[in-house]
Amino acid sequence: MRALRGLRDILKTIAQDVEVLPAVGGAVEDLERPDFEEREDQALNEEEKVFETIFERPARDPYRHVPPRGRSEQHLFRYFLDGSFRSYFLGTMLEHERESPVHYAQIGACVLRREDDGSVRREILRVEHILLAGKQRLSKAVWWKLEDLASAASIKLLDLMEKDVVSAVLSDFDLRNKAGGKVRFAMRNLEAEVIEQILPRLSMERWLIADGSLLFDPILRRLSTGEEIKPVIGVSKNFRKDPQFVFGRGPRAERRSIYKLLADLQAEHRTAVFSAQGGRVVFWYVRLREQKHLDYPLMGVVKVELVNPSREPVPSDLIDEISQSLVAERSVTPHGQDRRWHAHLYPIYLAERAVKENLVSREVVQQFLKWR
């Protein structure tokens, strides 16, 4: 509530310098785009679309059987990270011929730790408050005043027009539309900080699963130091649909679309491992569920990423071990509570819930944030 009171004072003060067209009701929640995770995955590695090198040793098969291997056999995954946010359009600031939308958002990231008995508890939880406006759409005096007011209220001020890889998939023309990408970028930065915080507690027997891609630069940079693989994987439920995969060489080489690749992927199997960015990251796909109960071939599949500092082919045994433990995580899912249930890993779902439960509700935000 302290942050909301501070933000309310900011709105009250800045309204003395600019004309304001408030949002109806004081704050309108921005709904997250359902395909944004897929668009982000594409934007993070836009230049690579054809993957033709199987980047593991010694296996060379397109598919490998990875039956579930649960905690009773090997408790590989101990930590689970996810982030979430809530974003609100507050109104439009008018300053002579200039205008800029104003948004407020709460972002959060949580790591859960799972004990030997399967119970989970919160290991790290961070929540931040941010204010967003277009710096070039306002005078320097107004922007500097916003900076001072936000700093005094312990709120981060972000420029809607500053370039970043996440919001770059959205047009600069409509800054209100761009706010969702900027908020997501801020959330991913917070996740990167949390990963760095949790790294000393990990080992090759105690891994972290992070929701989403590891190609995001602050995360990738932190996991690329040294020569050894860090015990962190990124798991994506939604991923790009445009890559092509080539198996074999010469005239017998076979090219498959991702739809063909995953249509032939059986339950409790994984694909071969491919490399991105010259081997800096390796990725593969794992089918958690049989297709017969799902609508189309890409459902029930997750994309898995592993940062590979040595840029050498990764051991097939390690990929099998990770994939078997992932298949075992499918056993409990929030069916009916999330449209992505078919690809959920339950502890990740719990981490997301833990963040959302610590964000202020829409009703409270609307009550607090009204322009005077």
Protein backbone atom coordinates (compact mmCIF):
# COMPACT_ATOMS: atom_id res chain seq x y z
CA MET A 1 0.00 0.00 0.00
CA ARG A 2 2.93 2.34 0.63
CA ALA A 3 3.84 2.25 -3.05
CA LEU A 4 0.26 2.99 -4.07
CA ARG A 5 0.11 5.96 -1.71
CA GLY A 6 3.36 7.24 -3.19
CA LEU A 7 2.04 6.76 -6.71
CA ARG A 8 -1.16 8.58 -5.81
CA ASP A 9 0.90 11.53 -4.61
CA ILE A 10 2.85 11.46 -7.89
CA LEU A 11 -0.35 11.66 -9.91
CA LYS A 12 -1.68 14.47 -7.76
CA THR A 13 1.54 16.48 -8.06
CA ILE A 14 2.17 15.99 -11.77
CA ALA A 15 -1.42 16.94 -12.58
CA GLN A 16 -0.52 20.48 -11.48
CA ASP A 17 1.92 20.77 -14.42
CA VAL A 18 0.14 18.93 -17.24
CA GLU A 19 -3.40 18.42 -18.44
CA VAL A 20 -4.68 14.92 -17.82
CA LEU A 21 -7.21 12.75 -19.58
CA PRO A 22 -7.79 10.04 -16.94
CA ALA A 23 -8.72 6.48 -17.77
CA VAL A 24 -12.32 5.59 -17.06
CA GLY A 25 -12.48 4.46 -13.45
CA GLY A 26 -8.98 5.82 -12.75
CA ALA A 27 -7.08 2.69 -13.84
CA VAL A 28 -7.79 0.16 -16.58
CA GLU A 29 -6.01 -3.17 -16.34
CA ASP A 30 -3.98 -4.13 -19.41
CA LEU A 31 -4.68 -7.71 -20.42
CA GLU A 32 -1.62 -9.79 -21.33
CA ARG A 33 -1.51 -11.00 -24.92
CA PRO A 34 -1.96 -14.79 -24.99
CA ASP A 35 0.66 -15.23 -27.74
CA PHE A 36 3.30 -12.90 -26.30
CA GLU A 37 5.52 -15.69 -24.99
CA GLU A 38 5.65 -17.16 -28.50
CA ARG A 39 6.40 -13.76 -30.06
CA GLU A 40 9.13 -13.16 -27.48
CA ASP A 41 10.72 -16.54 -28.28
CA GLN A 42 10.83 -15.57 -31.94
CA ALA A 43 12.21 -12.08 -31.27
CA LEU A 44 15.02 -13.40 -29.06
CA ASN A 45 16.52 -15.42 -31.94
CA GLU A 46 14.97 -13.87 -35.04
CA GLU A 47 17.98 -14.43 -37.31
CA GLU A 48 18.01 -18.23 -36.92
CA LYS A 49 15.17 -20.15 -38.57
CA VAL A 50 16.79 -23.34 -39.89
CA PHE A 51 18.50 -25.69 -37.41
CA GLU A 52 20.54 -28.45 -38.99
CA THR A 53 23.11 -29.57 -36.42
CA ILE A 54 22.27 -32.20 -33.81
CA PHE A 55 24.25 -30.82 -30.89
CA GLU A 56 24.60 -33.78 -28.53
CA ARG A 57 26.86 -36.77 -28.20
CA PRO A 58 26.75 -39.67 -28.81
CA ALA A 59 23.05 -39.90 -29.74
CA ARG A 60 22.04 -38.96 -33.29
CA ASP A 61 18.42 -40.14 -33.34
CA PRO A 62 15.60 -37.68 -34.08
CA TYR A 63 13.66 -39.03 -31.07
CA ARG A 64 14.59 -40.69 -27.79
CA HIS A 65 12.46 -42.43 -25.18
CA VAL A 66 12.60 -40.64 -21.81
CA PRO A 67 10.29 -42.47 -19.36
CA PRO A 68 9.46 -40.50 -16.19
CA ARG A 69 11.99 -40.53 -13.39
CA GLY A 70 10.48 -39.10 -10.23
CA ARG A 71 11.76 -37.88 -6.89
CA SER A 72 11.96 -41.38 -5.39
CA GLU A 73 14.65 -42.27 -7.94
CA GLN A 74 16.41 -38.93 -8.24
CA HIS A 75 15.21 -35.59 -6.94
CA LEU A 76 16.82 -33.47 -9.65
CA PHE A 77 14.61 -30.36 -9.69
CA ARG A 78 14.60 -28.57 -6.35
CA TYR A 79 13.93 -24.95 -7.32
CA PHE A 80 11.24 -23.43 -9.55
CA LEU A 81 11.12 -19.85 -10.83
CA ASP A 82 8.31 -17.91 -12.43
CA GLY A 83 7.35 -14.28 -12.75
CA SER A 84 4.10 -12.42 -13.20
CA PHE A 85 2.80 -8.87 -13.45
CA ARG A 86 -0.27 -6.67 -13.44
CA SER A 87 -0.31 -3.54 -15.56
CA TYR A 88 -2.75 -0.62 -15.66
CA PHE A 89 -3.40 2.28 -18.01
CA LEU A 90 -3.90 5.37 -15.85
CA GLY A 91 -4.55 8.01 -18.49
CA THR A 92 -2.91 10.41 -20.92
CA MET A 93 -0.77 13.41 -20.00
CA LEU A 94 -1.13 16.42 -22.31
CA GLU A 95 1.55 19.10 -22.38
CA HIS A 96 0.93 21.64 -25.12
CA GLU A 97 1.49 19.68 -28.36
CA ARG A 98 3.00 16.72 -26.48
CA GLU A 99 1.14 13.73 -25.09
CA SER A 100 2.05 10.45 -23.45
CA PRO A 101 0.13 7.54 -21.92
CA VAL A 102 0.88 6.76 -18.28
CA HIS A 103 0.94 3.19 -17.00
CA TYR A 104 1.49 1.64 -13.61
CA ALA A 105 2.57 -1.97 -13.10
CA GLN A 106 3.50 -4.42 -10.39
CA ILE A 107 6.05 -7.04 -11.34
CA GLY A 108 7.18 -10.02 -9.31
CA ALA A 109 9.39 -13.10 -9.41
CA CYS A 110 9.32 -16.07 -7.06
CA VAL A 111 11.51 -19.12 -6.48
CA LEU A 112 9.96 -22.09 -4.70
CA ARG A 113 12.09 -24.79 -3.07
CA ARG A 114 10.81 -28.36 -2.95
CA GLU A 115 11.68 -30.54 0.01
CA ASP A 116 12.33 -34.29 -0.01
CA ASP A 117 8.72 -35.02 0.95
CA GLY A 118 7.41 -33.03 -2.05
CA SER A 119 6.22 -30.00 -0.10
CA VAL A 120 7.18 -26.60 -1.49
CA ARG A 121 8.01 -23.37 0.28
CA ARG A 122 8.94 -19.90 -0.80
CA GLU A 123 12.68 -19.38 -1.14
CA ILE A 124 12.80 -15.93 -2.78
CA LEU A 125 10.02 -13.47 -3.56
CA ARG A 126 10.56 -10.01 -5.01
CA VAL A 127 7.90 -7.51 -6.02
CA GLU A 128 8.56 -4.10 -7.60
CA HIS A 129 6.38 -1.17 -8.62
CA ILE A 130 6.99 0.71 -11.86
CA LEU A 131 5.62 3.80 -13.57
CA LEU A 132 5.83 4.09 -17.36
CA ALA A 133 5.59 7.08 -19.70
CA GLY A 134 7.13 8.26 -22.99
CA LYS A 135 10.21 10.34 -22.23
CA GLN A 136 10.38 11.93 -25.69
CA ARG A 137 6.68 12.74 -25.54
CA LEU A 138 7.16 15.01 -22.51
CA SER A 139 9.30 18.04 -21.77
CA LYS A 140 12.55 17.55 -19.89
CA ALA A 141 11.16 19.46 -16.92
CA VAL A 142 8.14 17.17 -16.56
CA TRP A 143 10.23 14.01 -17.03
CA TRP A 144 12.80 15.13 -14.45
CA LYS A 145 10.00 15.88 -12.02
CA LEU A 146 8.57 12.40 -12.59
CA GLU A 147 12.02 10.93 -11.92
CA ASP A 148 12.37 12.79 -8.62
CA LEU A 149 8.87 11.91 -7.46
CA ALA A 150 9.23 8.24 -8.41
CA SER A 151 12.61 7.94 -6.71
CA ALA A 152 11.21 9.43 -3.50
CA ALA A 153 8.37 6.89 -3.56
CA SER A 154 10.70 3.90 -4.29
CA ILE A 155 9.01 3.39 -7.67
CA LYS A 156 10.95 2.71 -10.86
CA LEU A 157 10.28 5.06 -13.77
CA LEU A 158 10.62 3.46 -17.21
CA ASP A 159 10.62 5.07 -20.63
CA LEU A 160 8.03 3.50 -22.93
CA MET A 161 10.10 4.53 -25.95
CA GLU A 162 13.40 2.97 -24.87
CA LYS A 163 14.29 0.06 -27.14
CA ASP A 164 14.46 -3.49 -25.82
CA VAL A 165 14.19 -6.94 -27.37
CA VAL A 166 10.80 -7.75 -25.81
CA SER A 167 8.77 -4.64 -26.62
CA ALA A 168 10.49 -4.39 -30.02
CA VAL A 169 7.88 -6.82 -31.40
CA LEU A 170 5.26 -4.07 -30.86
CA SER A 171 4.85 -0.86 -32.84
CA ASP A 172 6.24 2.43 -31.53
CA PHE A 173 3.24 4.25 -32.96
CA ASP A 174 0.86 3.31 -30.14
CA LEU A 175 2.75 3.64 -26.87
CA ARG A 176 -0.20 2.37 -24.88
CA ASN A 177 0.01 -0.88 -26.83
CA LYS A 178 3.77 -1.02 -26.20
CA ALA A 179 3.41 -0.88 -22.42
CA GLY A 180 2.79 -4.61 -22.10
CA GLY A 181 6.14 -5.41 -23.71
CA LYS A 182 7.99 -2.91 -21.51
CA VAL A 183 6.43 -4.38 -18.37
CA ARG A 184 7.30 -7.90 -19.47
CA PHE A 185 10.89 -6.78 -20.16
CA ALA A 186 11.11 -5.36 -16.64
CA MET A 187 9.75 -8.62 -15.21
CA ARG A 188 12.34 -10.65 -17.15
CA ASN A 189 15.11 -8.41 -15.80
CA LEU A 190 13.83 -9.09 -12.29
CA GLU A 191 13.86 -12.84 -13.02
CA ALA A 192 17.49 -12.53 -14.15
CA GLU A 193 18.41 -10.92 -10.83
CA VAL A 194 16.63 -13.68 -8.92
CA ILE A 195 18.46 -16.37 -10.93
CA GLU A 196 21.78 -14.78 -10.02
CA GLN A 197 20.69 -14.73 -6.37
CA ILE A 198 19.76 -18.43 -6.35
CA LEU A 199 22.76 -19.75 -8.35
CA PRO A 200 25.03 -20.34 -5.29
CA ARG A 201 22.40 -22.73 -3.86
CA LEU A 202 22.34 -24.93 -6.97
CA SER A 203 24.45 -27.95 -7.95
CA MET A 204 24.34 -30.68 -10.57
CA GLU A 205 22.11 -32.59 -8.11
CA ARG A 206 19.92 -29.55 -7.33
CA TRP A 207 18.56 -27.87 -10.47
CA LEU A 208 16.37 -24.86 -11.11
CA ILE A 209 13.54 -24.79 -13.66
CA ALA A 210 12.85 -21.26 -14.92
CA ASP A 211 9.65 -20.53 -16.80
CA GLY A 212 10.39 -19.10 -20.26
CA SER A 213 13.38 -18.73 -22.54
CA LEU A 214 16.99 -18.42 -21.37
CA LEU A 215 17.91 -16.49 -24.54
CA PHE A 216 16.87 -13.27 -22.80
CA ASP A 217 20.19 -11.42 -22.59
CA PRO A 218 20.54 -10.64 -18.85
CA ILE A 219 19.74 -14.29 -18.04
CA LEU A 220 21.95 -15.66 -20.82
CA ARG A 221 24.87 -13.49 -19.78
CA ARG A 222 24.68 -14.64 -16.15
CA LEU A 223 24.56 -18.33 -17.13
CA SER A 224 27.33 -18.12 -19.75
CA THR A 225 30.21 -17.34 -17.38
CA GLY A 226 32.94 -19.95 -17.06
CA GLU A 227 33.10 -23.23 -18.99
CA GLU A 228 30.75 -25.43 -16.98
CA ILE A 229 27.02 -25.80 -17.52
CA LYS A 230 24.97 -24.10 -14.80
CA PRO A 231 22.16 -26.28 -13.34
CA VAL A 232 19.35 -24.17 -14.80
CA ILE A 233 16.92 -25.00 -17.59
CA GLY A 234 14.31 -22.79 -19.21
CA VAL A 235 10.96 -24.39 -20.07
CA SER A 236 8.51 -22.72 -22.46
CA LYS A 237 4.88 -23.73 -22.87
CA ASN A 238 4.41 -21.44 -25.87
CA PHE A 239 7.17 -21.22 -28.47
CA ARG A 240 7.82 -20.05 -32.01
CA LYS A 241 6.18 -21.98 -34.83
CA ASP A 242 8.43 -21.00 -37.75
CA PRO A 243 11.69 -23.00 -37.35
CA GLN A 244 12.74 -25.75 -39.75
CA PHE A 245 14.87 -28.74 -38.76
CA VAL A 246 17.25 -30.61 -41.08
CA PHE A 247 18.26 -34.23 -40.47
CA GLY A 248 21.12 -35.75 -42.43
CA ARG A 249 23.39 -34.25 -45.07
CA GLY A 250 23.62 -34.10 -48.84
CA PRO A 251 20.84 -35.25 -51.16
CA ARG A 252 19.33 -37.47 -48.46
CA ALA A 253 18.89 -34.61 -46.01
CA GLU A 254 15.32 -34.31 -44.72
CA ARG A 255 13.79 -30.99 -43.72
CA ARG A 256 10.92 -30.96 -41.23
CA SER A 257 8.73 -28.13 -40.01
CA ILE A 258 8.15 -27.90 -36.30
CA TYR A 259 4.63 -29.27 -36.86
CA LYS A 260 6.01 -32.38 -38.56
CA LEU A 261 8.74 -32.76 -35.96
CA LEU A 262 6.32 -32.65 -33.04
CA ALA A 263 3.50 -34.59 -34.72
CA ASP A 264 5.83 -37.62 -34.79
CA LEU A 265 7.00 -37.05 -31.21
CA GLN A 266 5.44 -39.68 -28.95
CA ALA A 267 4.52 -39.26 -25.28
CA GLU A 268 7.48 -39.61 -22.91
CA HIS A 269 9.92 -38.94 -25.74
CA ARG A 270 12.21 -36.06 -26.57
CA THR A 271 13.61 -34.73 -29.82
CA ALA A 272 17.26 -34.48 -30.70
CA VAL A 273 19.14 -31.49 -29.30
CA PHE A 274 19.76 -28.46 -31.53
CA SER A 275 21.97 -25.44 -31.05
CA ALA A 276 21.22 -21.73 -31.16
CA GLN A 277 23.68 -18.84 -31.36
CA GLY A 278 26.58 -21.05 -32.38
CA GLY A 279 26.08 -23.56 -29.60
CA ARG A 280 25.83 -20.99 -26.83
CA VAL A 281 22.35 -22.35 -26.06
CA VAL A 282 21.00 -25.82 -26.81
CA PHE A 283 17.32 -26.72 -26.99
CA TRP A 284 15.01 -29.65 -27.54
CA TYR A 285 11.33 -30.58 -27.16
CA VAL A 286 9.71 -33.03 -24.74
CA ARG A 287 6.19 -34.45 -25.06
CA LEU A 288 4.62 -34.67 -21.62
CA ARG A 289 1.27 -36.14 -22.69
CA GLU A 290 -0.30 -38.38 -25.30
CA GLN A 291 -1.86 -36.59 -28.25
CA LYS A 292 -5.14 -38.49 -28.22
CA HIS A 293 -6.68 -36.21 -25.58
CA LEU A 294 -5.35 -32.97 -27.08
CA ASP A 295 -6.50 -30.73 -29.91
CA TYR A 296 -3.37 -30.50 -32.07
CA PRO A 297 0.24 -31.79 -32.16
CA LEU A 298 1.91 -28.89 -30.38
CA MET A 299 -0.19 -29.29 -27.24
CA GLY A 300 1.38 -31.30 -24.44
CA VAL A 301 4.90 -30.35 -25.59
CA VAL A 302 7.42 -28.08 -23.88
CA LYS A 303 10.54 -26.50 -25.29
CA VAL A 304 13.60 -26.90 -23.06
CA GLU A 305 16.69 -24.68 -23.17
CA LEU A 306 20.09 -25.11 -21.55
CA VAL A 307 22.90 -22.54 -21.64
CA ASN A 308 26.11 -24.17 -22.91
CA PRO A 309 29.18 -22.03 -22.08
CA SER A 310 31.70 -24.44 -23.68
CA ARG A 311 29.79 -24.44 -27.01
CA GLU A 312 30.66 -28.12 -27.37
CA PRO A 313 28.02 -30.83 -28.02
CA VAL A 314 26.29 -31.74 -24.75
CA PRO A 315 26.21 -35.29 -23.35
CA SER A 316 23.09 -37.21 -24.37
CA ASP A 317 22.92 -38.81 -20.92
CA LEU A 318 22.51 -35.39 -19.30
CA ILE A 319 19.72 -34.43 -21.72
CA ASP A 320 17.97 -37.76 -21.08
CA GLU A 321 18.24 -37.27 -17.32
CA ILE A 322 16.76 -33.76 -17.49
CA SER A 323 13.97 -34.90 -19.83
CA GLN A 324 13.01 -37.89 -17.70
CA SER A 325 12.71 -35.70 -14.63
CA LEU A 326 10.63 -33.20 -16.62
CA VAL A 327 8.18 -35.90 -17.75
CA ALA A 328 7.73 -36.86 -14.09
CA GLU A 329 6.70 -33.26 -13.27
CA ARG A 330 3.53 -33.56 -15.37
CA SER A 331 1.69 -35.69 -12.82
CA VAL A 332 -0.32 -32.90 -11.16
CA THR A 333 -1.75 -30.10 -13.29
CA PRO A 334 -4.27 -27.27 -12.76
CA HIS A 335 -6.73 -28.69 -15.29
CA GLY A 336 -9.55 -26.26 -15.97
CA GLN A 337 -7.82 -23.34 -14.23
CA ASP A 338 -5.41 -22.41 -17.00
CA ARG A 339 -5.68 -22.87 -20.76
CA ARG A 340 -2.03 -24.03 -20.80
CA TRP A 341 -2.71 -26.95 -18.43
CA HIS A 342 -1.46 -29.52 -20.97
CA ALA A 343 2.10 -28.15 -20.78
CA HIS A 344 2.17 -27.03 -17.15
CA LEU A 345 4.75 -28.14 -14.64
CA TYR A 346 2.88 -27.91 -11.36
CA PRO A 347 5.60 -26.30 -9.19
CA ILE A 348 5.97 -23.56 -11.83
CA TYR A 349 2.22 -23.00 -11.63
CA LEU A 350 2.55 -22.66 -7.84
CA ALA A 351 5.41 -20.16 -8.21
CA GLU A 352 3.26 -18.03 -10.51
CA ARG A 353 0.39 -18.16 -8.02
CA ALA A 354 2.72 -17.13 -5.20
CA VAL A 355 3.64 -13.99 -7.14
CA LYS A 356 0.06 -13.13 -8.05
CA GLU A 357 -1.08 -13.52 -4.44
CA ASN A 358 1.43 -10.82 -3.46
CA LEU A 359 0.31 -8.32 -6.09
CA VAL A 360 -2.30 -5.76 -5.15
CA SER A 361 -5.73 -6.53 -6.60
CA ARG A 362 -7.31 -4.61 -9.45
CA GLU A 363 -10.05 -3.30 -7.14
CA VAL A 364 -7.54 -1.82 -4.69
CA VAL A 365 -5.49 -0.23 -7.48
CA GLN A 366 -8.58 1.37 -9.01
CA GLN A 367 -9.62 2.71 -5.63
CA PHE A 368 -6.22 4.27 -4.91
CA LEU A 369 -5.16 5.56 -8.30
CA LYS A 370 -7.57 8.29 -9.29
CA TRP A 371 -6.45 11.59 -10.75
CA ARG A 372 -7.49 14.51 -8.59
